[in-house]
Amino acid sequence: MNELSNLCGLTPSTVYSLMDPTRKDVRITTIKKICDGLEITLGEFFTSAEFDNLEHLEQEIK
């Protein structure tokens, strides 16, 4: 996680907090920094199979 934080320009505490299973929200700017550090686009990030199978998430707008 320290290597990821260095690649992405995030503090180690931010990266560690992303792994907290009780965390519900992540800012898009944080995701963008991770994508930049990993040299992938936001589109590549969000088109992964993990985002296709999120049935456990409730609809935010009702």
N, C-alpha and C. Protein backbone atom coordinates (compact mmCIF):
# COMPACT_ATOMS: atom_id res chain seq x y z
N MET A 1 0.82 -1.19 0.00
CA MET A 1 0.00 0.00 0.00
C MET A 1 0.87 1.26 0.00
N ASN A 2 2.04 1.15 0.62
CA ASN A 2 2.94 2.30 0.58
C ASN A 2 3.42 2.58 -0.84
N GLU A 3 3.69 1.53 -1.60
CA GLU A 3 4.12 1.71 -2.99
C GLU A 3 3.01 2.35 -3.82
N LEU A 4 1.77 1.91 -3.60
CA LEU A 4 0.64 2.52 -4.31
C LEU A 4 0.50 3.98 -3.96
N SER A 5 0.65 4.31 -2.68
CA SER A 5 0.53 5.72 -2.28
C SER A 5 1.62 6.56 -2.94
N ASN A 6 2.82 6.02 -3.05
CA ASN A 6 3.91 6.76 -3.72
C ASN A 6 3.62 6.94 -5.21
N LEU A 7 3.12 5.89 -5.87
CA LEU A 7 2.80 5.97 -7.29
C LEU A 7 1.73 7.01 -7.58
N CYS A 8 0.77 7.11 -6.67
CA CYS A 8 -0.43 7.91 -6.92
C CYS A 8 -0.40 9.30 -6.30
N GLY A 9 0.60 9.58 -5.50
CA GLY A 9 0.66 10.88 -4.84
C GLY A 9 -0.37 11.03 -3.74
N LEU A 10 -0.71 9.91 -3.11
CA LEU A 10 -1.65 9.92 -1.99
C LEU A 10 -0.89 9.59 -0.71
N THR A 11 -1.43 10.00 0.41
CA THR A 11 -0.79 9.63 1.66
C THR A 11 -1.06 8.15 1.94
N PRO A 12 -0.14 7.50 2.64
CA PRO A 12 -0.39 6.10 3.00
C PRO A 12 -1.69 5.92 3.79
N SER A 13 -2.02 6.88 4.64
CA SER A 13 -3.25 6.75 5.42
C SER A 13 -4.49 6.76 4.52
N THR A 14 -4.45 7.52 3.44
CA THR A 14 -5.57 7.54 2.50
C THR A 14 -5.72 6.18 1.84
N VAL A 15 -4.61 5.60 1.38
CA VAL A 15 -4.66 4.30 0.72
C VAL A 15 -5.14 3.23 1.71
N TYR A 16 -4.63 3.26 2.93
CA TYR A 16 -5.07 2.28 3.93
C TYR A 16 -6.56 2.44 4.22
N SER A 17 -7.04 3.69 4.27
CA SER A 17 -8.46 3.91 4.57
C SER A 17 -9.36 3.39 3.45
N LEU A 18 -8.84 3.35 2.21
CA LEU A 18 -9.63 2.82 1.10
C LEU A 18 -9.91 1.33 1.27
N MET A 19 -9.09 0.65 2.02
CA MET A 19 -9.24 -0.80 2.23
C MET A 19 -10.19 -1.11 3.39
N ASP A 20 -10.66 -0.09 4.09
CA ASP A 20 -11.58 -0.27 5.22
C ASP A 20 -12.94 -0.73 4.68
N PRO A 21 -13.37 -1.94 5.05
CA PRO A 21 -14.64 -2.46 4.50
C PRO A 21 -15.87 -1.67 4.94
N THR A 22 -15.75 -0.84 5.96
CA THR A 22 -16.90 -0.05 6.40
C THR A 22 -16.99 1.28 5.63
N ARG A 23 -15.96 1.61 4.88
CA ARG A 23 -15.96 2.86 4.11
C ARG A 23 -16.98 2.76 2.99
N LYS A 24 -17.78 3.80 2.82
CA LYS A 24 -18.84 3.76 1.82
C LYS A 24 -18.57 4.66 0.62
N ASP A 25 -17.83 5.73 0.80
CA ASP A 25 -17.64 6.70 -0.28
C ASP A 25 -16.16 6.95 -0.54
N VAL A 26 -15.83 7.09 -1.81
CA VAL A 26 -14.49 7.47 -2.25
C VAL A 26 -14.66 8.58 -3.27
N ARG A 27 -13.89 9.62 -3.12
CA ARG A 27 -14.00 10.75 -4.05
C ARG A 27 -13.44 10.36 -5.42
N ILE A 28 -14.06 10.87 -6.45
CA ILE A 28 -13.62 10.58 -7.81
C ILE A 28 -12.21 11.12 -8.04
N THR A 29 -11.84 12.20 -7.37
CA THR A 29 -10.48 12.72 -7.51
C THR A 29 -9.45 11.74 -6.94
N THR A 30 -9.82 11.01 -5.91
CA THR A 30 -8.92 9.98 -5.36
C THR A 30 -8.79 8.83 -6.35
N ILE A 31 -9.90 8.42 -6.93
CA ILE A 31 -9.86 7.35 -7.94
C ILE A 31 -9.03 7.78 -9.14
N LYS A 32 -9.16 9.04 -9.55
CA LYS A 32 -8.38 9.57 -10.67
C LYS A 32 -6.90 9.53 -10.37
N LYS A 33 -6.50 9.87 -9.16
CA LYS A 33 -5.08 9.81 -8.78
C LYS A 33 -4.56 8.38 -8.83
N ILE A 34 -5.37 7.44 -8.41
CA ILE A 34 -4.98 6.03 -8.46
C ILE A 34 -4.82 5.60 -9.92
N CYS A 35 -5.78 5.98 -10.75
CA CYS A 35 -5.69 5.64 -12.17
C CYS A 35 -4.44 6.24 -12.81
N ASP A 36 -4.16 7.50 -12.50
CA ASP A 36 -2.97 8.14 -13.04
C ASP A 36 -1.71 7.41 -12.60
N GLY A 37 -1.65 7.04 -11.33
CA GLY A 37 -0.49 6.33 -10.82
C GLY A 37 -0.31 4.96 -11.45
N LEU A 38 -1.41 4.30 -11.78
CA LEU A 38 -1.36 2.98 -12.40
C LEU A 38 -1.34 3.06 -13.93
N GLU A 39 -1.39 4.29 -14.44
CA GLU A 39 -1.38 4.55 -15.88
C GLU A 39 -2.53 3.86 -16.60
N ILE A 40 -3.73 4.02 -16.03
CA ILE A 40 -4.95 3.55 -16.67
C ILE A 40 -5.94 4.71 -16.68
N THR A 41 -6.95 4.61 -17.54
CA THR A 41 -7.96 5.66 -17.61
C THR A 41 -9.08 5.36 -16.62
N LEU A 42 -9.86 6.38 -16.33
CA LEU A 42 -11.05 6.17 -15.50
C LEU A 42 -11.99 5.18 -16.17
N GLY A 43 -12.08 5.24 -17.49
CA GLY A 43 -12.92 4.31 -18.24
C GLY A 43 -12.48 2.87 -18.03
N GLU A 44 -11.17 2.63 -18.09
CA GLU A 44 -10.65 1.28 -17.86
C GLU A 44 -10.95 0.82 -16.43
N PHE A 45 -10.81 1.72 -15.49
CA PHE A 45 -11.08 1.41 -14.10
C PHE A 45 -12.53 0.98 -13.90
N PHE A 46 -13.45 1.76 -14.44
CA PHE A 46 -14.87 1.50 -14.20
C PHE A 46 -15.47 0.43 -15.11
N THR A 47 -14.75 -0.02 -16.14
CA THR A 47 -15.29 -1.08 -16.98
C THR A 47 -14.79 -2.46 -16.56
N SER A 48 -14.21 -2.55 -15.38
CA SER A 48 -13.76 -3.85 -14.89
C SER A 48 -14.96 -4.68 -14.43
N ALA A 49 -14.80 -5.98 -14.42
CA ALA A 49 -15.88 -6.90 -14.07
C ALA A 49 -16.41 -6.66 -12.66
N GLU A 50 -15.57 -6.16 -11.77
CA GLU A 50 -16.01 -5.91 -10.40
C GLU A 50 -17.18 -4.92 -10.35
N PHE A 51 -17.21 -3.98 -11.27
CA PHE A 51 -18.29 -2.99 -11.27
C PHE A 51 -19.55 -3.50 -11.96
N ASP A 52 -19.46 -4.60 -12.69
CA ASP A 52 -20.63 -5.19 -13.32
C ASP A 52 -21.45 -6.03 -12.36
N ASN A 53 -20.88 -6.40 -11.23
CA ASN A 53 -21.53 -7.31 -10.29
C ASN A 53 -21.72 -6.67 -8.92
N LEU A 54 -22.31 -5.52 -8.88
CA LEU A 54 -22.49 -4.81 -7.61
C LEU A 54 -23.96 -4.84 -7.18
N GLU A 55 -24.56 -6.01 -7.25
CA GLU A 55 -25.97 -6.11 -6.87
C GLU A 55 -26.23 -5.74 -5.42
N HIS A 56 -25.20 -5.85 -4.58
CA HIS A 56 -25.37 -5.57 -3.15
C HIS A 56 -25.51 -4.07 -2.85
N LEU A 57 -25.22 -3.21 -3.81
CA LEU A 57 -25.36 -1.78 -3.59
C LEU A 57 -26.80 -1.36 -3.80
N GLU A 58 -27.27 -0.54 -2.89
CA GLU A 58 -28.64 -0.03 -3.02
C GLU A 58 -28.65 1.16 -3.97
N GLN A 59 -29.77 1.37 -4.62
CA GLN A 59 -29.95 2.54 -5.47
C GLN A 59 -29.89 3.78 -4.59
N GLU A 60 -29.10 4.77 -4.98
CA GLU A 60 -28.91 5.97 -4.17
C GLU A 60 -30.09 6.93 -4.29
N ILE A 61 -30.68 7.05 -5.46
CA ILE A 61 -31.78 7.98 -5.68
C ILE A 61 -33.06 7.17 -5.74
N LYS A 62 -34.00 7.51 -4.90
CA LYS A 62 -35.26 6.75 -4.85
C LYS A 62 -36.42 7.66 -5.15
